[in-house]
C-alpha atoms as a PDB file:
ATOM      1  CA  MET A   1      -0.002   0.012  -0.005  1.00  0.00           C
ATOM      2  CA  ALA A   2       1.478   3.337  -1.062  1.00  0.00           C
ATOM      3  CA  ALA A   3       1.507   5.879   1.706  1.00  0.00           C
ATOM      4  CA  GLY A   4       0.672   9.477   0.829  1.00  0.00           C
ATOM      5  CA  ARG A   5      -0.707   8.659  -2.599  1.00  0.00           C
ATOM      6  CA  VAL A   6      -4.095  10.113  -3.211  1.00  0.00           C
ATOM      7  CA  GLU A   7      -5.762   9.757  -6.575  1.00  0.00           C
ATOM      8  CA  ASN A   8      -8.484  12.114  -7.684  1.00  0.00           C
ATOM      9  CA  PRO A   9     -10.315  10.736 -10.735  1.00  0.00           C
ATOM     10  CA  MET A  10     -12.115  14.038 -11.331  1.00  0.00           C
ATOM     11  CA  LEU A  11      -8.840  15.877 -11.602  1.00  0.00           C
ATOM     12  CA  GLY A  12      -7.514  13.287 -14.033  1.00  0.00           C
ATOM     13  CA  ARG A  13     -10.560  13.682 -16.284  1.00  0.00           C
ATOM     14  CA  THR A  14     -10.365  17.449 -16.151  1.00  0.00           C
ATOM     15  CA  LEU A  15      -6.679  17.385 -17.014  1.00  0.00           C
ATOM     16  CA  HIS A  16      -7.417  15.025 -19.923  1.00  0.00           C
ATOM     17  CA  LYS A  17     -10.117  17.355 -21.283  1.00  0.00           C
ATOM     18  CA  VAL A  18      -7.808  20.373 -21.009  1.00  0.00           C
ATOM     19  CA  THR A  19      -5.099  18.453 -22.839  1.00  0.00           C
ATOM     20  CA  LEU A  20      -7.483  17.586 -25.644  1.00  0.00           C
ATOM     21  CA  TYR A  21      -8.547  21.213 -25.993  1.00  0.00           C
ATOM     22  CA  LEU A  22      -4.899  22.321 -26.050  1.00  0.00           C
ATOM     23  CA  ILE A  23      -4.255  19.886 -28.913  1.00  0.00           C
ATOM     24  CA  LEU A  24      -7.158  21.354 -30.872  1.00  0.00           C
ATOM     25  CA  VAL A  25      -5.913  24.919 -30.204  1.00  0.00           C
ATOM     26  CA  ASN A  26      -2.437  23.840 -31.332  1.00  0.00           C
ATOM     27  CA  LEU A  27      -3.741  22.537 -34.635  1.00  0.00           C
ATOM     28  CA  GLY A  28      -5.829  25.716 -35.105  1.00  0.00           C
ATOM     29  CA  LEU A  29      -2.905  28.031 -34.348  1.00  0.00           C
ATOM     30  CA  VAL A  30      -0.595  26.281 -36.809  1.00  0.00           C
ATOM     31  CA  ALA A  31      -3.314  26.312 -39.527  1.00  0.00           C
ATOM     32  CA  GLY A  32      -4.020  29.983 -38.894  1.00  0.00           C
ATOM     33  CA  PHE A  33      -0.316  30.775 -39.044  1.00  0.00           C
ATOM     34  CA  GLY A  34      -0.065  28.930 -42.359  1.00  0.00           C
ATOM     35  CA  LEU A  35      -2.947  30.931 -43.779  1.00  0.00           C
ATOM     36  CA  ARG A  36      -1.715  34.322 -42.588  1.00  0.00           C
ATOM     37  CA  MET A  37       2.062  34.094 -42.741  1.00  0.00           C
ATOM     38  CA  SER A  38       2.309  35.635 -46.217  1.00  0.00           C
ATOM     39  CA  VAL A  39       0.818  38.913 -45.022  1.00  0.00           C
ATOM     40  CA  LEU A  40       2.851  39.220 -41.796  1.00  0.00           C
ATOM     41  CA  GLY A  41       5.752  41.570 -41.593  1.00  0.00           C
ATOM     42  CA  PHE A  42       9.218  40.311 -40.628  1.00  0.00           C
ATOM     43  CA  CYS A  43       8.940  41.216 -36.912  1.00  0.00           C
ATOM     44  CA  ALA A  44       5.437  39.823 -36.641  1.00  0.00           C
ATOM     45  CA  PHE A  45       6.439  36.692 -38.430  1.00  0.00           C
ATOM     46  CA  MET A  46       9.436  36.139 -36.167  1.00  0.00           C
ATOM     47  CA  LEU A  47       7.461  36.790 -33.007  1.00  0.00           C
ATOM     48  CA  THR A  48       4.550  34.584 -34.036  1.00  0.00           C
ATOM     49  CA  GLY A  49       6.879  31.823 -35.147  1.00  0.00           C
ATOM     50  CA  ALA A  50       8.840  31.939 -31.864  1.00  0.00           C
ATOM     51  CA  LEU A  51       5.637  31.857 -29.827  1.00  0.00           C
ATOM     52  CA  LEU A  52       4.291  28.908 -31.848  1.00  0.00           C
ATOM     53  CA  VAL A  53       7.546  26.985 -31.450  1.00  0.00           C
ATOM     54  CA  SER A  54       7.546  27.554 -27.677  1.00  0.00           C
ATOM     55  CA  TYR A  55       3.847  26.555 -27.468  1.00  0.00           C
ATOM     56  CA  GLN A  56       4.730  23.445 -29.475  1.00  0.00           C
ATOM     57  CA  LEU A  57       7.520  22.583 -27.066  1.00  0.00           C
ATOM     58  CA  VAL A  58       5.266  23.005 -24.031  1.00  0.00           C
ATOM     59  CA  ILE A  59       2.444  20.948 -25.537  1.00  0.00           C
ATOM     60  CA  THR A  60       4.922  18.244 -26.523  1.00  0.00           C
ATOM     61  CA  ARG A  61       6.227  18.017 -22.950  1.00  0.00           C
ATOM     62  CA  LEU A  62       2.628  17.897 -21.613  1.00  0.00           C
ATOM     63  CA  MET A  63       1.754  15.153 -24.067  1.00  0.00           C
ATOM     64  CA  TYR A  64       4.835  13.163 -23.053  1.00  0.00           C
ATOM     65  CA  LEU A  65       3.767  13.348 -19.410  1.00  0.00           C
ATOM     66  CA  GLU A  66       0.090  12.598 -20.184  1.00  0.00           C
ATOM     67  CA  ALA A  67       0.868   9.619 -22.425  1.00  0.00           C
ATOM     68  CA  ARG A  68       3.308   8.248 -19.912  1.00  0.00           C
ATOM     69  CA  ARG A  69       0.812   8.590 -17.040  1.00  0.00           C
ATOM     70  CA  SER A  70      -1.983   6.698 -18.787  1.00  0.00           C
ATOM     71  CA  ASN A  71      -2.533   4.663 -21.949  1.00  0.00           C
ATOM     72  CA  ASP A  72      -3.150   7.740 -24.135  1.00  0.00           C
ATOM     73  CA  GLY A  73      -0.270   7.265 -26.505  1.00  0.00           C
ATOM     74  CA  TYR A  74      -2.532   7.996 -29.470  1.00  0.00           C
ATOM     75  CA  LEU A  75      -2.734  11.661 -28.389  1.00  0.00           C
ATOM     76  CA  ILE A  76       0.902  12.192 -29.418  1.00  0.00           C
ATOM     77  CA  TYR A  77       0.145  11.815 -33.142  1.00  0.00           C
ATOM     78  CA  PRO A  78      -1.763  15.133 -33.644  1.00  0.00           C
ATOM     79  CA  VAL A  79       0.903  16.977 -31.714  1.00  0.00           C
ATOM     80  CA  ILE A  80       3.626  15.498 -33.883  1.00  0.00           C
ATOM     81  CA  LEU A  81       1.618  16.291 -36.971  1.00  0.00           C
ATOM     82  CA  ALA A  82       1.213  19.924 -35.894  1.00  0.00           C
ATOM     83  CA  GLY A  83       4.927  20.154 -35.079  1.00  0.00           C
ATOM     84  CA  LEU A  84       5.900  18.789 -38.487  1.00  0.00           C
ATOM     85  CA  GLY A  85       3.478  21.139 -40.154  1.00  0.00           C
ATOM     86  CA  LEU A  86       4.927  24.105 -38.283  1.00  0.00           C
ATOM     87  CA  ALA A  87       8.460  23.064 -39.178  1.00  0.00           C
ATOM     88  CA  LEU A  88       7.442  22.718 -42.815  1.00  0.00           C
ATOM     89  CA  LEU A  89       5.763  26.120 -42.839  1.00  0.00           C
ATOM     90  CA  LEU A  90       8.810  27.823 -41.286  1.00  0.00           C
ATOM     91  CA  LEU A  91      11.178  26.026 -43.660  1.00  0.00           C
ATOM     92  CA  LEU A  92       9.074  26.954 -46.689  1.00  0.00           C
ATOM     93  CA  SER A  93       8.910  30.552 -45.653  1.00  0.00           C
ATOM     94  CA  VAL A  94      12.713  30.739 -45.226  1.00  0.00           C
ATOM     95  CA  ILE A  95      13.339  29.038 -48.578  1.00  0.00           C
ATOM     96  CA  GLY A  96      10.655  31.070 -50.364  1.00  0.00           C
ATOM     97  CA  ASP A  97      12.187  34.485 -49.557  1.00  0.00           C
END
């Protein structure tokens, strides 16, 4: 019997829901960036790209912890897809100019 270990199933479900919403927001942000990156100025493009990359790193770390905690390994795939899409968009914008 583990001493000091208290499990709250309601907190786990809430965290899971928040994680799912963060994945959807991540996909939407990357898609919106892809649609609007041609009209952004250099400073706005760099700031938005840096913020998206940092958000991607945070969501990747959260997904790693969430998938390790439970059997939700399938949640990693949309995060990886969004990360690859963001990398492709940034690479294409650098090559295109």
